[in-house]
PDB file of all heavy atoms in Angstrom:
ATOM      1  N   GLU A   1     105.244 111.764 100.071  1.00  0.00           N
ATOM      2  CA  GLU A   1     106.000 111.392 101.272  1.00  0.00           C
ATOM      3  C   GLU A   1     106.591 112.613 101.962  1.00  0.00           C
ATOM      4  O   GLU A   1     106.478 112.760 103.181  1.00  0.00           O
ATOM      5  CB  GLU A   1     107.103 110.404 100.913  1.00  0.00           C
ATOM      6  CG  GLU A   1     106.585 109.049 100.495  1.00  0.00           C
ATOM      7  CD  GLU A   1     107.686 108.123 100.032  1.00  0.00           C
ATOM      8  OE1 GLU A   1     108.823 108.247 100.515  1.00  0.00           O
ATOM      9  OE2 GLU A   1     107.394 107.282  99.166  1.00  0.00           O
ATOM     10  N   MET A   2     107.218 113.491 101.194  1.00  0.00           N
ATOM     11  CA  MET A   2     107.862 114.675 101.786  1.00  0.00           C
ATOM     12  C   MET A   2     106.848 115.608 102.437  1.00  0.00           C
ATOM     13  O   MET A   2     107.028 116.039 103.572  1.00  0.00           O
ATOM     14  CB  MET A   2     108.658 115.439 100.712  1.00  0.00           C
ATOM     15  CG  MET A   2     109.870 114.706 100.212  1.00  0.00           C
ATOM     16  SD  MET A   2     110.893 115.610  99.026  1.00  0.00           S
ATOM     17  CE  MET A   2     109.766 116.528  98.024  1.00  0.00           C
ATOM     18  N   ARG A   3     105.786 115.916 101.740  1.00  0.00           N
ATOM     19  CA  ARG A   3     104.803 116.875 102.249  1.00  0.00           C
ATOM     20  C   ARG A   3     104.026 116.321 103.428  1.00  0.00           C
ATOM     21  O   ARG A   3     103.779 116.999 104.419  1.00  0.00           O
ATOM     22  CB  ARG A   3     103.838 117.283 101.132  1.00  0.00           C
ATOM     23  CG  ARG A   3     104.534 118.084 100.031  1.00  0.00           C
ATOM     24  CD  ARG A   3     103.617 118.358  98.884  1.00  0.00           C
ATOM     25  NE  ARG A   3     102.651 119.388  99.270  1.00  0.00           N
ATOM     26  CZ  ARG A   3     101.547 119.640  98.588  1.00  0.00           C
ATOM     27  NH1 ARG A   3     101.253 118.941  97.526  1.00  0.00           N
ATOM     28  NH2 ARG A   3     100.732 120.585  98.974  1.00  0.00           N
ATOM     29  N   LEU A   4     103.613 115.064 103.322  1.00  0.00           N
ATOM     30  CA  LEU A   4     102.796 114.466 104.376  1.00  0.00           C
ATOM     31  C   LEU A   4     103.620 114.193 105.640  1.00  0.00           C
ATOM     32  O   LEU A   4     103.110 114.321 106.757  1.00  0.00           O
ATOM     33  CB  LEU A   4     102.118 113.202 103.872  1.00  0.00           C
ATOM     34  CG  LEU A   4     101.119 113.451 102.730  1.00  0.00           C
ATOM     35  CD1 LEU A   4     100.646 112.136 102.129  1.00  0.00           C
ATOM     36  CD2 LEU A   4      99.955 114.306 103.186  1.00  0.00           C
ATOM     37  N   GLU A   5     104.874 113.853 105.462  1.00  0.00           N
ATOM     38  CA  GLU A   5     105.760 113.663 106.620  1.00  0.00           C
ATOM     39  C   GLU A   5     105.888 114.963 107.407  1.00  0.00           C
ATOM     40  O   GLU A   5     105.785 114.978 108.635  1.00  0.00           O
ATOM     41  CB  GLU A   5     107.141 113.188 106.163  1.00  0.00           C
ATOM     42  CG  GLU A   5     108.176 113.084 107.282  1.00  0.00           C
ATOM     43  CD  GLU A   5     108.148 111.745 108.007  1.00  0.00           C
ATOM     44  OE1 GLU A   5     107.835 110.740 107.366  1.00  0.00           O
ATOM     45  OE2 GLU A   5     108.447 111.734 109.221  1.00  0.00           O
ATOM     46  N   LYS A   6     106.087 116.060 106.699  1.00  0.00           N
ATOM     47  CA  LYS A   6     106.194 117.364 107.363  1.00  0.00           C
ATOM     48  C   LYS A   6     104.885 117.713 108.079  1.00  0.00           C
ATOM     49  O   LYS A   6     104.899 118.292 109.164  1.00  0.00           O
ATOM     50  CB  LYS A   6     106.549 118.466 106.360  1.00  0.00           C
ATOM     51  CG  LYS A   6     107.958 118.392 105.845  1.00  0.00           C
ATOM     52  CD  LYS A   6     108.927 118.771 106.922  1.00  0.00           C
ATOM     53  CE  LYS A   6     110.331 118.826 106.385  1.00  0.00           C
ATOM     54  NZ  LYS A   6     111.326 118.930 107.431  1.00  0.00           N
ATOM     55  N   THR A   7     103.771 117.378 107.486  1.00  0.00           N
ATOM     56  CA  THR A   7     102.462 117.655 108.097  1.00  0.00           C
ATOM     57  C   THR A   7     102.304 116.880 109.406  1.00  0.00           C
ATOM     58  O   THR A   7     101.929 117.450 110.433  1.00  0.00           O
ATOM     59  CB  THR A   7     101.329 117.295 107.115  1.00  0.00           C
ATOM     60  OG1 THR A   7     101.490 118.066 105.920  1.00  0.00           O
ATOM     61  CG2 THR A   7      99.972 117.561 107.711  1.00  0.00           C
ATOM     62  N   ALA A   8     102.597 115.579 109.342  1.00  0.00           N
ATOM     63  CA  ALA A   8     102.466 114.743 110.543  1.00  0.00           C
ATOM     64  C   ALA A   8     103.459 115.185 111.616  1.00  0.00           C
ATOM     65  O   ALA A   8     103.118 115.260 112.805  1.00  0.00           O
ATOM     66  CB  ALA A   8     102.689 113.278 110.180  1.00  0.00           C
ATOM     67  N   GLU A   9     104.663 115.498 111.213  1.00  0.00           N
ATOM     68  CA  GLU A   9     105.687 115.966 112.164  1.00  0.00           C
ATOM     69  C   GLU A   9     105.245 117.262 112.832  1.00  0.00           C
ATOM     70  O   GLU A   9     105.360 117.411 114.061  1.00  0.00           O
ATOM     71  CB  GLU A   9     107.016 116.179 111.425  1.00  0.00           C
ATOM     72  CG  GLU A   9     108.151 116.614 112.295  1.00  0.00           C
ATOM     73  CD  GLU A   9     109.440 116.823 111.509  1.00  0.00           C
ATOM     74  OE1 GLU A   9     109.449 116.625 110.281  1.00  0.00           O
ATOM     75  OE2 GLU A   9     110.432 117.201 112.140  1.00  0.00           O
ATOM     76  N   TYR A  10     104.714 118.190 112.061  1.00  0.00           N
ATOM     77  CA  TYR A  10     104.237 119.454 112.617  1.00  0.00           C
ATOM     78  C   TYR A  10     103.098 119.218 113.604  1.00  0.00           C
ATOM     79  O   TYR A  10     103.066 119.797 114.691  1.00  0.00           O
ATOM     80  CB  TYR A  10     103.777 120.395 111.488  1.00  0.00           C
ATOM     81  CG  TYR A  10     103.323 121.734 111.994  1.00  0.00           C
ATOM     82  CD1 TYR A  10     104.227 122.782 112.159  1.00  0.00           C
ATOM     83  CD2 TYR A  10     101.993 121.958 112.350  1.00  0.00           C
ATOM     84  CE1 TYR A  10     103.818 124.003 112.645  1.00  0.00           C
ATOM     85  CE2 TYR A  10     101.577 123.187 112.834  1.00  0.00           C
ATOM     86  CZ  TYR A  10     102.480 124.209 112.985  1.00  0.00           C
ATOM     87  OH  TYR A  10     102.075 125.426 113.468  1.00  0.00           O
ATOM     88  N   ALA A  11     102.167 118.353 113.206  1.00  0.00           N
ATOM     89  CA  ALA A  11     101.024 118.051 114.085  1.00  0.00           C
ATOM     90  C   ALA A  11     101.503 117.467 115.415  1.00  0.00           C
ATOM     91  O   ALA A  11     101.039 117.876 116.487  1.00  0.00           O
ATOM     92  CB  ALA A  11     100.066 117.087 113.391  1.00  0.00           C
ATOM     93  N   ALA A  12     102.424 116.531 115.350  1.00  0.00           N
ATOM     94  CA  ALA A  12     102.938 115.898 116.570  1.00  0.00           C
ATOM     95  C   ALA A  12     103.711 116.903 117.430  1.00  0.00           C
ATOM     96  O   ALA A  12     103.528 116.947 118.640  1.00  0.00           O
ATOM     97  CB  ALA A  12     103.831 114.719 116.208  1.00  0.00           C
ATOM     98  N   ASN A  13     104.538 117.713 116.807  1.00  0.00           N
ATOM     99  CA  ASN A  13     105.356 118.681 117.539  1.00  0.00           C
ATOM    100  C   ASN A  13     104.538 119.815 118.159  1.00  0.00           C
ATOM    101  O   ASN A  13     105.015 120.504 119.061  1.00  0.00           O
ATOM    102  CB  ASN A  13     106.444 119.274 116.645  1.00  0.00           C
ATOM    103  CG  ASN A  13     107.524 118.277 116.319  1.00  0.00           C
ATOM    104  OD1 ASN A  13     107.696 117.270 116.998  1.00  0.00           O
ATOM    105  ND2 ASN A  13     108.258 118.541 115.244  1.00  0.00           N
ATOM    106  N   ASN A  14     103.334 120.010 117.654  1.00  0.00           N
ATOM    107  CA  ASN A  14     102.483 121.102 118.157  1.00  0.00           C
ATOM    108  C   ASN A  14     101.262 120.584 118.907  1.00  0.00           C
ATOM    109  O   ASN A  14     100.272 121.295 119.047  1.00  0.00           O
ATOM    110  CB  ASN A  14     102.098 122.026 117.008  1.00  0.00           C
ATOM    111  CG  ASN A  14     103.287 122.831 116.539  1.00  0.00           C
ATOM    112  OD1 ASN A  14     103.616 123.854 117.135  1.00  0.00           O
ATOM    113  ND2 ASN A  14     103.967 122.367 115.500  1.00  0.00           N
ATOM    114  N   ASN A  15     101.336 119.352 119.355  1.00  0.00           N
ATOM    115  CA  ASN A  15     100.308 118.735 120.204  1.00  0.00           C
ATOM    116  C   ASN A  15      98.918 118.643 119.568  1.00  0.00           C
ATOM    117  O   ASN A  15      97.912 118.764 120.266  1.00  0.00           O
ATOM    118  CB  ASN A  15     100.236 119.434 121.564  1.00  0.00           C
ATOM    119  CG  ASN A  15     101.561 119.353 122.284  1.00  0.00           C
ATOM    120  OD1 ASN A  15     102.170 118.269 122.351  1.00  0.00           O
ATOM    121  ND2 ASN A  15     102.028 120.469 122.798  1.00  0.00           N
ATOM    122  N   PHE A  16      98.864 118.456 118.250  1.00  0.00           N
ATOM    123  CA  PHE A  16      97.584 118.202 117.599  1.00  0.00           C
ATOM    124  C   PHE A  16      97.215 116.747 117.817  1.00  0.00           C
ATOM    125  O   PHE A  16      98.085 115.894 117.974  1.00  0.00           O
ATOM    126  CB  PHE A  16      97.678 118.489 116.089  1.00  0.00           C
ATOM    127  CG  PHE A  16      97.758 119.946 115.751  1.00  0.00           C
ATOM    128  CD1 PHE A  16      98.978 120.587 115.638  1.00  0.00           C
ATOM    129  CD2 PHE A  16      96.597 120.666 115.511  1.00  0.00           C
ATOM    130  CE1 PHE A  16      99.045 121.932 115.313  1.00  0.00           C
ATOM    131  CE2 PHE A  16      96.661 122.027 115.186  1.00  0.00           C
ATOM    132  CZ  PHE A  16      97.893 122.646 115.087  1.00  0.00           C
ATOM    133  N   ASP A  17      95.927 116.457 117.798  1.00  0.00           N
ATOM    134  CA  ASP A  17      95.457 115.072 117.928  1.00  0.00           C
ATOM    135  C   ASP A  17      95.583 114.306 116.616  1.00  0.00           C
ATOM    136  O   ASP A  17      95.730 113.095 116.608  1.00  0.00           O
ATOM    137  CB  ASP A  17      93.989 115.029 118.354  1.00  0.00           C
ATOM    138  CG  ASP A  17      93.783 115.604 119.741  1.00  0.00           C
ATOM    139  OD1 ASP A  17      94.688 115.467 120.581  1.00  0.00           O
ATOM    140  OD2 ASP A  17      92.714 116.185 119.978  1.00  0.00           O
ATOM    141  N   GLY A  18      95.486 115.027 115.506  1.00  0.00           N
ATOM    142  CA  GLY A  18      95.490 114.370 114.215  1.00  0.00           C
ATOM    143  C   GLY A  18      95.762 115.353 113.088  1.00  0.00           C
ATOM    144  O   GLY A  18      96.079 116.509 113.318  1.00  0.00           O
ATOM    145  N   PHE A  19      95.610 114.857 111.878  1.00  0.00           N
ATOM    146  CA  PHE A  19      95.864 115.676 110.690  1.00  0.00           C
ATOM    147  C   PHE A  19      95.088 115.119 109.510  1.00  0.00           C
ATOM    148  O   PHE A  19      94.570 114.011 109.533  1.00  0.00           O
ATOM    149  CB  PHE A  19      97.365 115.736 110.365  1.00  0.00           C
ATOM    150  CG  PHE A  19      97.935 114.420 109.896  1.00  0.00           C
ATOM    151  CD1 PHE A  19      98.173 114.197 108.557  1.00  0.00           C
ATOM    152  CD2 PHE A  19      98.248 113.404 110.798  1.00  0.00           C
ATOM    153  CE1 PHE A  19      98.689 112.981 108.116  1.00  0.00           C
ATOM    154  CE2 PHE A  19      98.766 112.202 110.378  1.00  0.00           C
ATOM    155  CZ  PHE A  19      98.991 111.986 109.029  1.00  0.00           C
ATOM    156  N   THR A  20      95.011 115.910 108.457  1.00  0.00           N
ATOM    157  CA  THR A  20      94.460 115.505 107.171  1.00  0.00           C
ATOM    158  C   THR A  20      95.224 116.277 106.105  1.00  0.00           C
ATOM    159  O   THR A  20      96.237 116.906 106.405  1.00  0.00           O
ATOM    160  CB  THR A  20      92.934 115.752 107.109  1.00  0.00           C
ATOM    161  OG1 THR A  20      92.421 115.091 105.940  1.00  0.00           O
ATOM    162  CG2 THR A  20      92.575 117.231 107.090  1.00  0.00           C
ATOM    163  N   THR A  21      94.762 116.270 104.878  1.00  0.00           N
ATOM    164  CA  THR A  21      95.466 116.970 103.810  1.00  0.00           C
ATOM    165  C   THR A  21      94.499 117.498 102.760  1.00  0.00           C
ATOM    166  O   THR A  21      93.486 116.845 102.452  1.00  0.00           O
ATOM    167  CB  THR A  21      96.522 116.076 103.129  1.00  0.00           C
ATOM    168  OG1 THR A  21      97.085 116.753 102.006  1.00  0.00           O
ATOM    169  CG2 THR A  21      95.940 114.750 102.679  1.00  0.00           C
ATOM    170  N   THR A  22      94.812 118.647 102.221  1.00  0.00           N
ATOM    171  CA  THR A  22      93.994 119.230 101.147  1.00  0.00           C
ATOM    172  C   THR A  22      94.163 118.452  99.839  1.00  0.00           C
ATOM    173  O   THR A  22      93.383 118.649  98.913  1.00  0.00           O
ATOM    174  CB  THR A  22      94.353 120.705 100.904  1.00  0.00           C
ATOM    175  OG1 THR A  22      95.737 120.799 100.576  1.00  0.00           O
ATOM    176  CG2 THR A  22      94.031 121.546 102.121  1.00  0.00           C
ATOM    177  N   LEU A  23      95.147 117.565  99.762  1.00  0.00           N
ATOM    178  CA  LEU A  23      95.299 116.732  98.568  1.00  0.00           C
ATOM    179  C   LEU A  23      94.049 115.885  98.332  1.00  0.00           C
ATOM    180  O   LEU A  23      93.768 115.484  97.210  1.00  0.00           O
ATOM    181  CB  LEU A  23      96.522 115.811  98.705  1.00  0.00           C
ATOM    182  CG  LEU A  23      97.888 116.485  98.680  1.00  0.00           C
ATOM    183  CD1 LEU A  23      98.965 115.487  99.063  1.00  0.00           C
ATOM    184  CD2 LEU A  23      98.167 117.079  97.314  1.00  0.00           C
ATOM    185  N   LEU A  24      93.298 115.627  99.405  1.00  0.00           N
ATOM    186  CA  LEU A  24      92.091 114.800  99.294  1.00  0.00           C
ATOM    187  C   LEU A  24      90.934 115.532  98.611  1.00  0.00           C
ATOM    188  O   LEU A  24      89.900 114.933  98.329  1.00  0.00           O
ATOM    189  CB  LEU A  24      91.656 114.321 100.673  1.00  0.00           C
ATOM    190  CG  LEU A  24      92.666 113.421 101.385  1.00  0.00           C
ATOM    191  CD1 LEU A  24      92.232 113.144 102.809  1.00  0.00           C
ATOM    192  CD2 LEU A  24      92.870 112.136 100.609  1.00  0.00           C
ATOM    193  N   TYR A  25      91.102 116.792  98.289  1.00  0.00           N
ATOM    194  CA  TYR A  25      90.103 117.565  97.580  1.00  0.00           C
ATOM    195  C   TYR A  25      90.176 117.319  96.073  1.00  0.00           C
ATOM    196  O   TYR A  25      89.180 117.406  95.367  1.00  0.00           O
ATOM    197  CB  TYR A  25      90.288 119.058  97.893  1.00  0.00           C
ATOM    198  CG  TYR A  25      89.422 119.983  97.070  1.00  0.00           C
ATOM    199  CD1 TYR A  25      88.062 120.096  97.312  1.00  0.00           C
ATOM    200  CD2 TYR A  25      89.964 120.739  96.049  1.00  0.00           C
ATOM    201  CE1 TYR A  25      87.267 120.939  96.565  1.00  0.00           C
ATOM    202  CE2 TYR A  25      89.180 121.585  95.290  1.00  0.00           C
ATOM    203  CZ  TYR A  25      87.833 121.682  95.540  1.00  0.00           C
ATOM    204  OH  TYR A  25      87.045 122.511  94.791  1.00  0.00           O
ATOM    205  N   SER A  26      91.353 116.968  95.601  1.00  0.00           N
ATOM    206  CA  SER A  26      91.591 116.893  94.158  1.00  0.00           C
ATOM    207  C   SER A  26      91.189 115.553  93.553  1.00  0.00           C
ATOM    208  O   SER A  26      91.538 114.493  94.060  1.00  0.00           O
ATOM    209  CB  SER A  26      93.062 117.150  93.869  1.00  0.00           C
ATOM    210  OG  SER A  26      93.302 116.984  92.472  1.00  0.00           O
ATOM    211  N   ARG A  27      90.524 115.634  92.435  1.00  0.00           N
ATOM    212  CA  ARG A  27      90.189 114.440  91.656  1.00  0.00           C
ATOM    213  C   ARG A  27      91.431 113.846  91.001  1.00  0.00           C
ATOM    214  O   ARG A  27      91.403 112.715  90.532  1.00  0.00           O
ATOM    215  CB  ARG A  27      89.195 114.784  90.554  1.00  0.00           C
ATOM    216  CG  ARG A  27      87.831 115.121  91.050  1.00  0.00           C
ATOM    217  CD  ARG A  27      86.918 115.403  89.878  1.00  0.00           C
ATOM    218  NE  ARG A  27      85.582 115.677  90.355  1.00  0.00           N
ATOM    219  CZ  ARG A  27      84.581 116.016  89.570  1.00  0.00           C
ATOM    220  NH1 ARG A  27      84.780 116.125  88.276  1.00  0.00           N
ATOM    221  NH2 ARG A  27      83.399 116.244  90.084  1.00  0.00           N
ATOM    222  N   TYR A  28      92.491 114.605  90.947  1.00  0.00           N
ATOM    223  CA  TYR A  28      93.690 114.175  90.241  1.00  0.00           C
ATOM    224  C   TYR A  28      94.712 113.474  91.138  1.00  0.00           C
ATOM    225  O   TYR A  28      95.720 112.993  90.655  1.00  0.00           O
ATOM    226  CB  TYR A  28      94.358 115.388  89.567  1.00  0.00           C
ATOM    227  CG  TYR A  28      93.418 116.070  88.600  1.00  0.00           C
ATOM    228  CD1 TYR A  28      92.863 117.302  88.906  1.00  0.00           C
ATOM    229  CD2 TYR A  28      93.059 115.460  87.403  1.00  0.00           C
ATOM    230  CE1 TYR A  28      91.989 117.924  88.035  1.00  0.00           C
ATOM    231  CE2 TYR A  28      92.176 116.078  86.524  1.00  0.00           C
ATOM    232  CZ  TYR A  28      91.653 117.304  86.843  1.00  0.00           C
ATOM    233  OH  TYR A  28      90.782 117.908  85.980  1.00  0.00           O
TER     234      TYR A  28
END
């Protein structure tokens, strides 16, 4: 929640269209 919220907030504040996360690389 903490990390992804910051990611989405940064994307919105910097006029990005979207976001993803490197967490999706991990099998764990």
